[in-house]
Amino acid sequence: MSELNTEAISVQFQGLRALDSVDLSLKEGEILGLLGPNGAGKTTLVNVISGFQRPTEGTVRVDGKSVGGLTPDALARCGVARTFQSVRLFRRLSVLENVEISALCHAKSRNEARSTARRALEFVGLGPVARRLAGELPYADERRVGIARALALRPRFLLLDEPAAGMTDSECRDLVEIVRQLPQSFGCAVLLIEHNIGLVMEVCNRLHVLNGGRTLADGPVETVRNNPDVIAAYLGGA
């Protein structure tokens, strides 16, 4: 069974310790919710896992092998892909071309890349607009393109950084169905960083909560949800 682990990850920014000895595991087939108040270290941890931030201490392992120090593109080839809070599409390219660029990471031909891109777009519900310019899309569809681009990398571990940010309730409900189907449809484990508690509770198998750069709780959704320390730090009794 594939597994991604962080081992005693710490990140120091001058006088600020953004992460302090964080151990996290993401197992094949699961959807893990990463929660915590603003400034808890969630995005910093995702940046470490995806190669955009070097840890001060600790390492990241994929299937037991250390991948610490690898660049983001090398990690993508190891099966680790992510989305970003800011999608940053190539606005003068088509939706299909935006996703096709990611697919070229693994594809042996342009046709294979295009086929991979089309499958990812169909999955997120954007097949009908594949030939539109990316700059013409509404906001929620831009975020779906971000997910499709990550899927085109054929990840075993997909990190979704606040995919529902700015979405309406209806758009969030559609996103729930997309995220829920990811392990079965694409064979990838999902690490979901999200402030929408309802979405997290609905789709995740397990929760990992950070507070002040440290792990506050980790376990099944209901266990963590009812943890008094978590309620006090983040959920506010929700």
C-alpha atoms as a PDB file:
ATOM      1  CA  MET A   1       0.000   0.000   0.000  1.00  0.00           C
ATOM      2  CA  SER A   2       1.367   3.411  -1.019  1.00  0.00           C
ATOM      3  CA  GLU A   3       1.947   5.902   1.763  1.00  0.00           C
ATOM      4  CA  LEU A   4       3.305   9.423   2.126  1.00  0.00           C
ATOM      5  CA  ASN A   5       4.792  10.456   5.468  1.00  0.00           C
ATOM      6  CA  THR A   6       6.291  13.541   7.010  1.00  0.00           C
ATOM      7  CA  GLU A   7       8.743  12.810   9.801  1.00  0.00           C
ATOM      8  CA  ALA A   8       9.418  15.462  12.455  1.00  0.00           C
ATOM      9  CA  ILE A   9       9.033  18.313   9.962  1.00  0.00           C
ATOM     10  CA  SER A  10      10.050  21.690  11.367  1.00  0.00           C
ATOM     11  CA  VAL A  11      10.301  24.999   9.517  1.00  0.00           C
ATOM     12  CA  GLN A  12      11.925  28.084  11.007  1.00  0.00           C
ATOM     13  CA  PHE A  13      11.494  31.533   9.441  1.00  0.00           C
ATOM     14  CA  GLN A  14      14.004  33.674  11.340  1.00  0.00           C
ATOM     15  CA  GLY A  15      12.327  34.070  14.743  1.00  0.00           C
ATOM     16  CA  LEU A  16       9.112  32.258  13.772  1.00  0.00           C
ATOM     17  CA  ARG A  17       8.782  28.483  14.060  1.00  0.00           C
ATOM     18  CA  ALA A  18       6.059  27.826  11.486  1.00  0.00           C
ATOM     19  CA  LEU A  19       6.125  24.038  11.954  1.00  0.00           C
ATOM     20  CA  ASP A  20       7.385  22.135  14.964  1.00  0.00           C
ATOM     21  CA  SER A  21       8.137  18.416  14.552  1.00  0.00           C
ATOM     22  CA  VAL A  22       5.020  17.489  12.550  1.00  0.00           C
ATOM     23  CA  ASP A  23       4.394  13.816  11.754  1.00  0.00           C
ATOM     24  CA  LEU A  24       1.666  13.192   9.186  1.00  0.00           C
ATOM     25  CA  SER A  25       0.708  10.130   7.163  1.00  0.00           C
ATOM     26  CA  LEU A  26      -1.402   9.904   4.009  1.00  0.00           C
ATOM     27  CA  LYS A  27      -2.364   6.395   2.969  1.00  0.00           C
ATOM     28  CA  GLU A  28      -3.534   4.999  -0.343  1.00  0.00           C
ATOM     29  CA  GLY A  29      -7.273   5.396  -0.892  1.00  0.00           C
ATOM     30  CA  GLU A  30      -7.987   7.852   1.915  1.00  0.00           C
ATOM     31  CA  ILE A  31      -9.056  11.486   2.030  1.00  0.00           C
ATOM     32  CA  LEU A  32      -7.290  13.237   4.891  1.00  0.00           C
ATOM     33  CA  GLY A  33      -8.439  16.660   6.045  1.00  0.00           C
ATOM     34  CA  LEU A  34      -5.739  19.072   7.236  1.00  0.00           C
ATOM     35  CA  LEU A  35      -7.308  21.642   9.549  1.00  0.00           C
ATOM     36  CA  GLY A  36      -6.194  24.484  11.757  1.00  0.00           C
ATOM     37  CA  PRO A  37      -6.758  28.192  12.374  1.00  0.00           C
ATOM     38  CA  ASN A  38      -5.074  30.824  10.223  1.00  0.00           C
ATOM     39  CA  GLY A  39      -1.334  30.725  10.776  1.00  0.00           C
ATOM     40  CA  ALA A  40      -1.379  27.138  12.047  1.00  0.00           C
ATOM     41  CA  GLY A  41       1.131  26.025   9.398  1.00  0.00           C
ATOM     42  CA  LYS A  42      -1.135  24.193   6.936  1.00  0.00           C
ATOM     43  CA  THR A  43       0.115  25.790   3.734  1.00  0.00           C
ATOM     44  CA  THR A  44       3.713  25.669   4.959  1.00  0.00           C
ATOM     45  CA  LEU A  45       3.359  21.918   5.465  1.00  0.00           C
ATOM     46  CA  VAL A  46       1.877  21.486   1.985  1.00  0.00           C
ATOM     47  CA  ASN A  47       4.732  23.555   0.556  1.00  0.00           C
ATOM     48  CA  VAL A  48       7.228  21.241   2.260  1.00  0.00           C
ATOM     49  CA  ILE A  49       5.511  18.081   1.009  1.00  0.00           C
ATOM     50  CA  SER A  50       5.336  19.412  -2.560  1.00  0.00           C
ATOM     51  CA  GLY A  51       8.922  20.682  -2.680  1.00  0.00           C
ATOM     52  CA  PHE A  52       8.264  24.423  -2.587  1.00  0.00           C
ATOM     53  CA  GLN A  53       9.724  24.858   0.917  1.00  0.00           C
ATOM     54  CA  ARG A  54      12.751  23.131   2.405  1.00  0.00           C
ATOM     55  CA  PRO A  55      12.249  22.055   6.009  1.00  0.00           C
ATOM     56  CA  THR A  56      14.670  23.181   8.674  1.00  0.00           C
ATOM     57  CA  GLU A  57      14.465  19.688  10.162  1.00  0.00           C
ATOM     58  CA  GLY A  58      12.825  16.396   9.254  1.00  0.00           C
ATOM     59  CA  THR A  59      12.043  14.706   5.969  1.00  0.00           C
ATOM     60  CA  VAL A  60       9.243  13.597   3.650  1.00  0.00           C
ATOM     61  CA  ARG A  61       8.980   9.970   2.554  1.00  0.00           C
ATOM     62  CA  VAL A  62       7.050   8.306  -0.249  1.00  0.00           C
ATOM     63  CA  ASP A  63       6.711   4.553   0.230  1.00  0.00           C
ATOM     64  CA  GLY A  64       9.520   4.681   2.778  1.00  0.00           C
ATOM     65  CA  LYS A  65      11.975   6.478   0.492  1.00  0.00           C
ATOM     66  CA  SER A  66      13.122   9.972   1.434  1.00  0.00           C
ATOM     67  CA  VAL A  67      12.137  12.573  -1.160  1.00  0.00           C
ATOM     68  CA  GLY A  68      13.397  15.514   0.866  1.00  0.00           C
ATOM     69  CA  GLY A  69      15.245  18.037  -1.264  1.00  0.00           C
ATOM     70  CA  LEU A  70      13.549  17.054  -4.523  1.00  0.00           C
ATOM     71  CA  THR A  71      12.219  19.847  -6.720  1.00  0.00           C
ATOM     72  CA  PRO A  72       8.459  20.157  -7.335  1.00  0.00           C
ATOM     73  CA  ASP A  73       8.763  18.683 -10.836  1.00  0.00           C
ATOM     74  CA  ALA A  74      10.771  15.722  -9.526  1.00  0.00           C
ATOM     75  CA  LEU A  75       8.168  15.158  -6.805  1.00  0.00           C
ATOM     76  CA  ALA A  76       5.437  15.248  -9.440  1.00  0.00           C
ATOM     77  CA  ARG A  77       7.226  12.395 -11.195  1.00  0.00           C
ATOM     78  CA  CYS A  78       7.223  10.560  -7.849  1.00  0.00           C
ATOM     79  CA  GLY A  79       3.446  10.914  -7.722  1.00  0.00           C
ATOM     80  CA  VAL A  80       2.985  14.039  -5.559  1.00  0.00           C
ATOM     81  CA  ALA A  81       0.836  16.791  -7.100  1.00  0.00           C
ATOM     82  CA  ARG A  82      -0.924  19.824  -5.682  1.00  0.00           C
ATOM     83  CA  THR A  83      -3.298  22.661  -6.407  1.00  0.00           C
ATOM     84  CA  PHE A  84      -2.774  26.257  -5.311  1.00  0.00           C
ATOM     85  CA  GLN A  85      -4.975  28.829  -3.619  1.00  0.00           C
ATOM     86  CA  SER A  86      -4.255  31.079  -6.613  1.00  0.00           C
ATOM     87  CA  VAL A  87      -4.922  29.084  -9.797  1.00  0.00           C
ATOM     88  CA  ARG A  88      -2.860  31.217 -12.229  1.00  0.00           C
ATOM     89  CA  LEU A  89      -4.101  29.856 -15.539  1.00  0.00           C
ATOM     90  CA  PHE A  90      -2.551  30.621 -18.909  1.00  0.00           C
ATOM     91  CA  ARG A  91      -5.453  32.854 -19.812  1.00  0.00           C
ATOM     92  CA  ARG A  92      -4.733  33.090 -23.551  1.00  0.00           C
ATOM     93  CA  LEU A  93      -4.543  29.320 -23.948  1.00  0.00           C
ATOM     94  CA  SER A  94      -7.554  27.053 -24.126  1.00  0.00           C
ATOM     95  CA  VAL A  95      -8.781  25.157 -21.090  1.00  0.00           C
ATOM     96  CA  LEU A  96      -7.573  21.934 -22.725  1.00  0.00           C
ATOM     97  CA  GLU A  97      -4.113  23.368 -23.418  1.00  0.00           C
ATOM     98  CA  ASN A  98      -3.776  24.481 -19.792  1.00  0.00           C
ATOM     99  CA  VAL A  99      -4.292  20.904 -18.619  1.00  0.00           C
ATOM    100  CA  GLU A 100      -2.326  19.373 -21.477  1.00  0.00           C
ATOM    101  CA  ILE A 101       0.801  21.209 -20.301  1.00  0.00           C
ATOM    102  CA  SER A 102       0.659  19.280 -17.025  1.00  0.00           C
ATOM    103  CA  ALA A 103      -0.016  16.003 -18.810  1.00  0.00           C
ATOM    104  CA  LEU A 104       3.221  16.374 -20.796  1.00  0.00           C
ATOM    105  CA  CYS A 105       5.095  15.602 -17.551  1.00  0.00           C
ATOM    106  CA  HIS A 106       4.379  11.884 -18.073  1.00  0.00           C
ATOM    107  CA  ALA A 107       2.999  11.561 -21.596  1.00  0.00           C
ATOM    108  CA  LYS A 108       5.107  10.020 -24.339  1.00  0.00           C
ATOM    109  CA  SER A 109       3.318  11.963 -27.066  1.00  0.00           C
ATOM    110  CA  ARG A 110       1.123  15.012 -27.616  1.00  0.00           C
ATOM    111  CA  ASN A 111      -1.832  12.743 -28.346  1.00  0.00           C
ATOM    112  CA  GLU A 112      -1.370  10.916 -25.047  1.00  0.00           C
ATOM    113  CA  ALA A 113      -1.141  14.227 -23.195  1.00  0.00           C
ATOM    114  CA  ARG A 114      -4.321  15.456 -24.857  1.00  0.00           C
ATOM    115  CA  SER A 115      -6.168  12.249 -23.974  1.00  0.00           C
ATOM    116  CA  THR A 116      -5.050  12.529 -20.336  1.00  0.00           C
ATOM    117  CA  ALA A 117      -6.103  16.180 -20.235  1.00  0.00           C
ATOM    118  CA  ARG A 118      -9.529  15.426 -21.697  1.00  0.00           C
ATOM    119  CA  ARG A 119     -10.158  12.706 -19.119  1.00  0.00           C
ATOM    120  CA  ALA A 120      -9.252  15.063 -16.268  1.00  0.00           C
ATOM    121  CA  LEU A 121     -11.500  17.801 -17.649  1.00  0.00           C
ATOM    122  CA  GLU A 122     -14.419  15.424 -18.133  1.00  0.00           C
ATOM    123  CA  PHE A 123     -14.020  14.264 -14.540  1.00  0.00           C
ATOM    124  CA  VAL A 124     -14.268  17.795 -13.118  1.00  0.00           C
ATOM    125  CA  GLY A 125     -17.207  18.608 -15.400  1.00  0.00           C
ATOM    126  CA  LEU A 126     -15.400  20.883 -17.854  1.00  0.00           C
ATOM    127  CA  GLY A 127     -15.331  18.677 -20.941  1.00  0.00           C
ATOM    128  CA  PRO A 128     -17.867  20.876 -22.791  1.00  0.00           C
ATOM    129  CA  VAL A 129     -15.697  24.005 -22.379  1.00  0.00           C
ATOM    130  CA  ALA A 130     -12.339  22.394 -23.182  1.00  0.00           C
ATOM    131  CA  ARG A 131     -11.760  24.614 -26.223  1.00  0.00           C
ATOM    132  CA  ARG A 132     -12.734  27.898 -24.584  1.00  0.00           C
ATOM    133  CA  LEU A 133     -10.022  30.349 -23.611  1.00  0.00           C
ATOM    134  CA  ALA A 134      -9.145  29.890 -19.953  1.00  0.00           C
ATOM    135  CA  GLY A 135      -9.489  33.639 -19.423  1.00  0.00           C
ATOM    136  CA  GLU A 136     -13.206  33.420 -20.241  1.00  0.00           C
ATOM    137  CA  LEU A 137     -14.058  30.999 -17.430  1.00  0.00           C
ATOM    138  CA  PRO A 138     -15.993  31.962 -14.296  1.00  0.00           C
ATOM    139  CA  TYR A 139     -14.122  31.746 -11.012  1.00  0.00           C
ATOM    140  CA  ALA A 140     -15.422  28.342  -9.876  1.00  0.00           C
ATOM    141  CA  ASP A 141     -14.494  26.763 -13.203  1.00  0.00           C
ATOM    142  CA  GLU A 142     -10.983  28.209 -12.946  1.00  0.00           C
ATOM    143  CA  ARG A 143     -10.577  26.321  -9.686  1.00  0.00           C
ATOM    144  CA  ARG A 144     -11.785  23.128 -11.350  1.00  0.00           C
ATOM    145  CA  VAL A 145      -9.147  23.588 -14.037  1.00  0.00           C
ATOM    146  CA  GLY A 146      -6.585  23.733 -11.227  1.00  0.00           C
ATOM    147  CA  ILE A 147      -7.752  20.323 -10.016  1.00  0.00           C
ATOM    148  CA  ALA A 148      -7.710  18.942 -13.567  1.00  0.00           C
ATOM    149  CA  ARG A 149      -4.139  20.166 -14.073  1.00  0.00           C
ATOM    150  CA  ALA A 150      -3.038  18.353 -10.934  1.00  0.00           C
ATOM    151  CA  LEU A 151      -4.870  15.175 -11.990  1.00  0.00           C
ATOM    152  CA  ALA A 152      -3.141  15.286 -15.373  1.00  0.00           C
ATOM    153  CA  LEU A 153       0.124  14.676 -13.503  1.00  0.00           C
ATOM    154  CA  ARG A 154      -1.233  11.207 -12.610  1.00  0.00           C
ATOM    155  CA  PRO A 155      -0.649  11.639  -8.874  1.00  0.00           C
ATOM    156  CA  ARG A 156      -0.704   8.964  -6.229  1.00  0.00           C
ATOM    157  CA  PHE A 157      -0.951  11.730  -3.627  1.00  0.00           C
ATOM    158  CA  LEU A 158      -3.002  14.831  -4.428  1.00  0.00           C
ATOM    159  CA  LEU A 159      -2.779  17.914  -2.196  1.00  0.00           C
ATOM    160  CA  LEU A 160      -5.776  20.242  -2.525  1.00  0.00           C
ATOM    161  CA  ASP A 161      -5.073  23.675  -1.030  1.00  0.00           C
ATOM    162  CA  GLU A 162      -8.421  25.344  -0.215  1.00  0.00           C
ATOM    163  CA  PRO A 163     -10.212  24.227  -3.406  1.00  0.00           C
ATOM    164  CA  ALA A 164     -13.579  25.638  -2.243  1.00  0.00           C
ATOM    165  CA  ALA A 165     -12.308  29.142  -1.451  1.00  0.00           C
ATOM    166  CA  GLY A 166     -14.733  31.740  -2.798  1.00  0.00           C
ATOM    167  CA  MET A 167     -17.281  29.204  -4.047  1.00  0.00           C
ATOM    168  CA  THR A 168     -21.036  29.388  -3.528  1.00  0.00           C
ATOM    169  CA  ASP A 169     -22.902  26.687  -1.587  1.00  0.00           C
ATOM    170  CA  SER A 170     -24.037  25.086  -4.849  1.00  0.00           C
ATOM    171  CA  GLU A 171     -20.499  25.072  -6.239  1.00  0.00           C
ATOM    172  CA  CYS A 172     -19.229  23.544  -2.992  1.00  0.00           C
ATOM    173  CA  ARG A 173     -21.759  20.720  -3.262  1.00  0.00           C
ATOM    174  CA  ASP A 174     -20.468  19.946  -6.750  1.00  0.00           C
ATOM    175  CA  LEU A 175     -16.908  20.011  -5.425  1.00  0.00           C
ATOM    176  CA  VAL A 176     -17.816  17.519  -2.684  1.00  0.00           C
ATOM    177  CA  GLU A 177     -18.765  14.977  -5.344  1.00  0.00           C
ATOM    178  CA  ILE A 178     -15.536  15.573  -7.260  1.00  0.00           C
ATOM    179  CA  VAL A 179     -13.316  15.143  -4.197  1.00  0.00           C
ATOM    180  CA  ARG A 180     -15.241  12.135  -2.907  1.00  0.00           C
ATOM    181  CA  GLN A 181     -14.690  10.230  -6.173  1.00  0.00           C
ATOM    182  CA  LEU A 182     -10.966  10.961  -6.528  1.00  0.00           C
ATOM    183  CA  PRO A 183      -9.527   7.860  -4.785  1.00  0.00           C
ATOM    184  CA  GLN A 184     -11.691   5.461  -6.781  1.00  0.00           C
ATOM    185  CA  SER A 185     -11.601   7.272 -10.132  1.00  0.00           C
ATOM    186  CA  PHE A 186      -7.916   8.247 -10.173  1.00  0.00           C
ATOM    187  CA  GLY A 187      -6.374   5.957  -7.564  1.00  0.00           C
ATOM    188  CA  CYS A 188      -4.914   8.822  -5.550  1.00  0.00           C
ATOM    189  CA  ALA A 189      -4.963   9.605  -1.855  1.00  0.00           C
ATOM    190  CA  VAL A 190      -6.091  13.169  -1.091  1.00  0.00           C
ATOM    191  CA  LEU A 191      -4.822  15.686   1.450  1.00  0.00           C
ATOM    192  CA  LEU A 192      -7.533  18.347   1.708  1.00  0.00           C
ATOM    193  CA  ILE A 193      -6.730  21.743   3.237  1.00  0.00           C
ATOM    194  CA  GLU A 194      -9.990  23.611   3.591  1.00  0.00           C
ATOM    195  CA  HIS A 195     -11.730  26.183   5.802  1.00  0.00           C
ATOM    196  CA  ASN A 196     -15.178  24.909   4.796  1.00  0.00           C
ATOM    197  CA  ILE A 197     -15.780  22.602   7.766  1.00  0.00           C
ATOM    198  CA  GLY A 198     -18.950  21.121   6.280  1.00  0.00           C
ATOM    199  CA  LEU A 199     -17.085  20.022   3.161  1.00  0.00           C
ATOM    200  CA  VAL A 200     -14.248  18.510   5.192  1.00  0.00           C
ATOM    201  CA  MET A 201     -16.568  16.590   7.498  1.00  0.00           C
ATOM    202  CA  GLU A 202     -18.527  15.243   4.544  1.00  0.00           C
ATOM    203  CA  VAL A 203     -15.689  13.857   2.435  1.00  0.00           C
ATOM    204  CA  CYS A 204     -12.775  13.049   4.760  1.00  0.00           C
ATOM    205  CA  ASN A 205     -11.983   9.695   6.367  1.00  0.00           C
ATOM    206  CA  ARG A 206      -9.553  11.172   8.873  1.00  0.00           C
ATOM    207  CA  LEU A 207      -8.486  14.577  10.193  1.00  0.00           C
ATOM    208  CA  HIS A 208      -5.109  16.030  11.146  1.00  0.00           C
ATOM    209  CA  VAL A 209      -5.305  19.307  13.071  1.00  0.00           C
ATOM    210  CA  LEU A 210      -2.474  21.808  13.431  1.00  0.00           C
ATOM    211  CA  ASN A 211      -2.296  24.644  15.924  1.00  0.00           C
ATOM    212  CA  GLY A 212       0.678  26.937  16.325  1.00  0.00           C
ATOM    213  CA  GLY A 213       2.733  24.757  13.983  1.00  0.00           C
ATOM    214  CA  ARG A 214       2.219  21.596  16.055  1.00  0.00           C
ATOM    215  CA  THR A 215      -0.072  18.605  15.688  1.00  0.00           C
ATOM    216  CA  LEU A 216      -3.061  19.069  17.974  1.00  0.00           C
ATOM    217  CA  ALA A 217      -5.004  15.950  16.968  1.00  0.00           C
ATOM    218  CA  ASP A 218      -5.055  13.159  14.393  1.00  0.00           C
ATOM    219  CA  GLY A 219      -7.672  10.463  13.963  1.00  0.00           C
ATOM    220  CA  PRO A 220     -11.138   9.535  12.673  1.00  0.00           C
ATOM    221  CA  VAL A 221     -13.418  12.457  11.854  1.00  0.00           C
ATOM    222  CA  GLU A 222     -15.858  12.038  14.744  1.00  0.00           C
ATOM    223  CA  THR A 223     -13.093  11.484  17.295  1.00  0.00           C
ATOM    224  CA  VAL A 224     -11.239  14.632  16.266  1.00  0.00           C
ATOM    225  CA  ARG A 225     -14.425  16.634  15.860  1.00  0.00           C
ATOM    226  CA  ASN A 226     -15.338  15.950  19.494  1.00  0.00           C
ATOM    227  CA  ASN A 227     -11.835  16.561  20.847  1.00  0.00           C
ATOM    228  CA  PRO A 228     -12.135  19.421  23.401  1.00  0.00           C
ATOM    229  CA  ASP A 229      -8.753  20.871  22.420  1.00  0.00           C
ATOM    230  CA  VAL A 230      -9.772  20.993  18.757  1.00  0.00           C
ATOM    231  CA  ILE A 231     -13.108  22.590  19.597  1.00  0.00           C
ATOM    232  CA  ALA A 232     -11.374  25.240  21.674  1.00  0.00           C
ATOM    233  CA  ALA A 233      -8.683  25.955  19.084  1.00  0.00           C
ATOM    234  CA  TYR A 234     -10.613  25.834  15.848  1.00  0.00           C
ATOM    235  CA  LEU A 235     -14.107  24.447  15.535  1.00  0.00           C
ATOM    236  CA  GLY A 236     -15.658  26.701  18.131  1.00  0.00           C
ATOM    237  CA  GLY A 237     -18.198  24.090  19.114  1.00  0.00           C
ATOM    238  CA  ALA A 238     -19.304  23.408  15.517  1.00  0.00           C
END
